[in-house]
């Protein structure tokens, strides 16, 4: 078993509209997770994609939307969505989200598309 508390998570500002807490103390190549705080649009322009990882997104609190392949999906507290690898998307709203990824997320496979 592995455990990581919020105060042990590493904080990253992906953009002025997106703060992420990565729970890197949990070391596993098959799965990892982060908590994201979205305040506005992320990415601020264009789209993002994960080339290798599937991302399961659960809305802890707040609401907004995700646009995947030009299709808008409303998100609210309690919503869960699976983003497959290679799907291009953006978030917009005021949300706190849990994001487990498999295989474990790493920055080199996460791409911004402008």
C-alpha atoms as a PDB file:
ATOM      1  CA  UNK A   1       0.000   0.000   0.000  1.00  0.00           C
ATOM      2  CA  UNK A   2       1.080   3.567  -0.673  1.00  0.00           C
ATOM      3  CA  UNK A   3      -0.376   6.760   0.793  1.00  0.00           C
ATOM      4  CA  UNK A   4       0.112  10.458   0.076  1.00  0.00           C
ATOM      5  CA  UNK A   5      -1.574  13.325   1.932  1.00  0.00           C
ATOM      6  CA  UNK A   6      -2.495  16.633   0.279  1.00  0.00           C
ATOM      7  CA  UNK A   7       0.295  18.481   2.095  1.00  0.00           C
ATOM      8  CA  UNK A   8       2.748  16.030   0.481  1.00  0.00           C
ATOM      9  CA  UNK A   9       1.406  16.574  -3.047  1.00  0.00           C
ATOM     10  CA  UNK A  10       3.449  18.676  -5.452  1.00  0.00           C
ATOM     11  CA  UNK A  11       1.682  21.834  -6.655  1.00  0.00           C
ATOM     12  CA  UNK A  12       1.966  22.905 -10.317  1.00  0.00           C
ATOM     13  CA  UNK A  13       0.427  25.890 -12.093  1.00  0.00           C
ATOM     14  CA  UNK A  14      -0.292  24.566 -15.593  1.00  0.00           C
ATOM     15  CA  UNK A  15      -1.792  27.936 -16.555  1.00  0.00           C
ATOM     16  CA  UNK A  16      -3.289  30.943 -14.797  1.00  0.00           C
ATOM     17  CA  UNK A  17      -6.586  29.011 -14.972  1.00  0.00           C
ATOM     18  CA  UNK A  18      -5.339  25.570 -13.846  1.00  0.00           C
ATOM     19  CA  UNK A  19      -3.628  24.482 -10.623  1.00  0.00           C
ATOM     20  CA  UNK A  20      -2.745  20.794 -10.184  1.00  0.00           C
ATOM     21  CA  UNK A  21      -1.706  18.823  -7.108  1.00  0.00           C
ATOM     22  CA  UNK A  22       0.250  15.737  -8.195  1.00  0.00           C
ATOM     23  CA  UNK A  23       0.426  12.898  -5.705  1.00  0.00           C
ATOM     24  CA  UNK A  24       3.847  11.735  -6.903  1.00  0.00           C
ATOM     25  CA  UNK A  25       4.755  10.094  -3.614  1.00  0.00           C
ATOM     26  CA  UNK A  26       2.558   7.236  -4.827  1.00  0.00           C
ATOM     27  CA  UNK A  27       4.931   5.608  -7.283  1.00  0.00           C
ATOM     28  CA  UNK A  28       3.372   3.158  -9.733  1.00  0.00           C
ATOM     29  CA  UNK A  29       3.895   2.866 -13.496  1.00  0.00           C
ATOM     30  CA  UNK A  30       0.366   1.548 -14.070  1.00  0.00           C
ATOM     31  CA  UNK A  31      -1.666   4.338 -12.431  1.00  0.00           C
ATOM     32  CA  UNK A  32      -1.324   7.699 -10.708  1.00  0.00           C
ATOM     33  CA  UNK A  33      -3.555  10.594  -9.806  1.00  0.00           C
ATOM     34  CA  UNK A  34      -3.849  14.314  -9.321  1.00  0.00           C
ATOM     35  CA  UNK A  35      -6.389  16.892  -8.205  1.00  0.00           C
ATOM     36  CA  UNK A  36      -6.950  19.847 -10.512  1.00  0.00           C
ATOM     37  CA  UNK A  37      -8.510  23.237  -9.806  1.00  0.00           C
ATOM     38  CA  UNK A  38      -9.989  24.803 -12.964  1.00  0.00           C
ATOM     39  CA  UNK A  39     -10.874  28.521 -12.838  1.00  0.00           C
ATOM     40  CA  UNK A  40     -11.784  29.513 -16.373  1.00  0.00           C
ATOM     41  CA  UNK A  41     -10.625  27.781 -19.548  1.00  0.00           C
ATOM     42  CA  UNK A  42      -7.821  25.212 -19.661  1.00  0.00           C
ATOM     43  CA  UNK A  43      -5.887  25.339 -21.790  1.00  0.00           C
ATOM     44  CA  UNK A  44      -6.391  29.063 -22.200  1.00  0.00           C
ATOM     45  CA  UNK A  45      -6.159  28.591 -26.000  1.00  0.00           C
ATOM     46  CA  UNK A  46      -6.445  25.533 -28.203  1.00  0.00           C
ATOM     47  CA  UNK A  47      -6.686  21.989 -26.903  1.00  0.00           C
ATOM     48  CA  UNK A  48      -4.676  19.406 -24.959  1.00  0.00           C
ATOM     49  CA  UNK A  49      -4.217  15.672 -25.439  1.00  0.00           C
ATOM     50  CA  UNK A  50      -2.567  12.772 -23.663  1.00  0.00           C
ATOM     51  CA  UNK A  51      -0.718  10.635 -26.200  1.00  0.00           C
ATOM     52  CA  UNK A  52      -0.257   7.621 -23.902  1.00  0.00           C
ATOM     53  CA  UNK A  53      -2.603   7.923 -20.910  1.00  0.00           C
ATOM     54  CA  UNK A  54      -6.312   7.449 -20.364  1.00  0.00           C
ATOM     55  CA  UNK A  55      -7.658   9.985 -17.885  1.00  0.00           C
ATOM     56  CA  UNK A  56     -10.683   9.405 -15.674  1.00  0.00           C
ATOM     57  CA  UNK A  57     -12.095  12.735 -14.480  1.00  0.00           C
ATOM     58  CA  UNK A  58     -14.422  13.031 -11.469  1.00  0.00           C
ATOM     59  CA  UNK A  59     -15.882  16.429 -10.533  1.00  0.00           C
ATOM     60  CA  UNK A  60     -15.440  16.833  -6.766  1.00  0.00           C
ATOM     61  CA  UNK A  61     -17.145  20.223  -6.678  1.00  0.00           C
ATOM     62  CA  UNK A  62     -18.188  23.012  -8.993  1.00  0.00           C
ATOM     63  CA  UNK A  63     -19.404  22.884 -12.568  1.00  0.00           C
ATOM     64  CA  UNK A  64     -18.401  23.613 -16.117  1.00  0.00           C
ATOM     65  CA  UNK A  65     -17.878  21.759 -19.341  1.00  0.00           C
ATOM     66  CA  UNK A  66     -15.407  19.716 -21.317  1.00  0.00           C
ATOM     67  CA  UNK A  67     -15.290  19.970 -25.097  1.00  0.00           C
ATOM     68  CA  UNK A  68     -13.945  16.837 -26.806  1.00  0.00           C
ATOM     69  CA  UNK A  69     -13.764  16.669 -30.602  1.00  0.00           C
ATOM     70  CA  UNK A  70     -16.072  19.705 -30.902  1.00  0.00           C
ATOM     71  CA  UNK A  71     -18.754  18.089 -28.685  1.00  0.00           C
ATOM     72  CA  UNK A  72     -19.615  19.911 -25.452  1.00  0.00           C
ATOM     73  CA  UNK A  73     -20.370  17.896 -22.314  1.00  0.00           C
ATOM     74  CA  UNK A  74     -21.743  19.566 -19.179  1.00  0.00           C
ATOM     75  CA  UNK A  75     -19.882  18.733 -15.977  1.00  0.00           C
ATOM     76  CA  UNK A  76     -21.157  19.144 -12.424  1.00  0.00           C
ATOM     77  CA  UNK A  77     -20.433  17.755  -8.985  1.00  0.00           C
ATOM     78  CA  UNK A  78     -20.514  13.959  -9.140  1.00  0.00           C
ATOM     79  CA  UNK A  79     -19.966  13.693 -12.918  1.00  0.00           C
ATOM     80  CA  UNK A  80     -17.356  11.222 -14.170  1.00  0.00           C
ATOM     81  CA  UNK A  81     -15.923  11.126 -17.691  1.00  0.00           C
ATOM     82  CA  UNK A  82     -13.273   8.927 -19.312  1.00  0.00           C
ATOM     83  CA  UNK A  83     -10.923  10.696 -21.716  1.00  0.00           C
ATOM     84  CA  UNK A  84      -9.232   8.183 -24.001  1.00  0.00           C
ATOM     85  CA  UNK A  85      -5.637   8.647 -25.069  1.00  0.00           C
ATOM     86  CA  UNK A  86      -5.384  10.799 -28.171  1.00  0.00           C
ATOM     87  CA  UNK A  87      -8.663  12.651 -27.603  1.00  0.00           C
ATOM     88  CA  UNK A  88      -8.295  16.431 -27.931  1.00  0.00           C
ATOM     89  CA  UNK A  89     -10.140  18.541 -25.369  1.00  0.00           C
ATOM     90  CA  UNK A  90     -10.430  21.616 -23.177  1.00  0.00           C
ATOM     91  CA  UNK A  91     -12.125  22.342 -19.857  1.00  0.00           C
ATOM     92  CA  UNK A  92     -14.043  25.493 -18.944  1.00  0.00           C
ATOM     93  CA  UNK A  93     -15.677  26.396 -15.650  1.00  0.00           C
ATOM     94  CA  UNK A  94     -15.063  26.561 -11.921  1.00  0.00           C
ATOM     95  CA  UNK A  95     -14.277  23.006 -10.803  1.00  0.00           C
ATOM     96  CA  UNK A  96     -12.184  20.835  -8.553  1.00  0.00           C
ATOM     97  CA  UNK A  97     -11.521  17.505 -10.281  1.00  0.00           C
ATOM     98  CA  UNK A  98      -9.875  14.200  -9.426  1.00  0.00           C
ATOM     99  CA  UNK A  99      -7.830  12.767 -12.308  1.00  0.00           C
ATOM    100  CA  UNK A 100      -6.481   9.216 -12.057  1.00  0.00           C
ATOM    101  CA  UNK A 101      -4.510   8.191 -15.169  1.00  0.00           C
ATOM    102  CA  UNK A 102      -3.424   4.873 -16.617  1.00  0.00           C
ATOM    103  CA  UNK A 103      -0.690   4.213 -17.424  1.00  0.00           C
ATOM    104  CA  UNK A 104       0.780   6.706 -14.969  1.00  0.00           C
ATOM    105  CA  UNK A 105       0.667  10.260 -16.354  1.00  0.00           C
ATOM    106  CA  UNK A 106       3.956  11.949 -17.229  1.00  0.00           C
ATOM    107  CA  UNK A 107       4.454  15.422 -18.718  1.00  0.00           C
ATOM    108  CA  UNK A 108       6.244  14.416 -21.938  1.00  0.00           C
ATOM    109  CA  UNK A 109       3.122  12.669 -23.295  1.00  0.00           C
ATOM    110  CA  UNK A 110       0.803  15.626 -22.518  1.00  0.00           C
ATOM    111  CA  UNK A 111       0.623  17.989 -25.513  1.00  0.00           C
ATOM    112  CA  UNK A 112      -0.962  21.380 -26.127  1.00  0.00           C
ATOM    113  CA  UNK A 113      -2.478  21.914 -29.567  1.00  0.00           C
ATOM    114  CA  UNK A 114      -2.847  25.546 -30.600  1.00  0.00           C
END
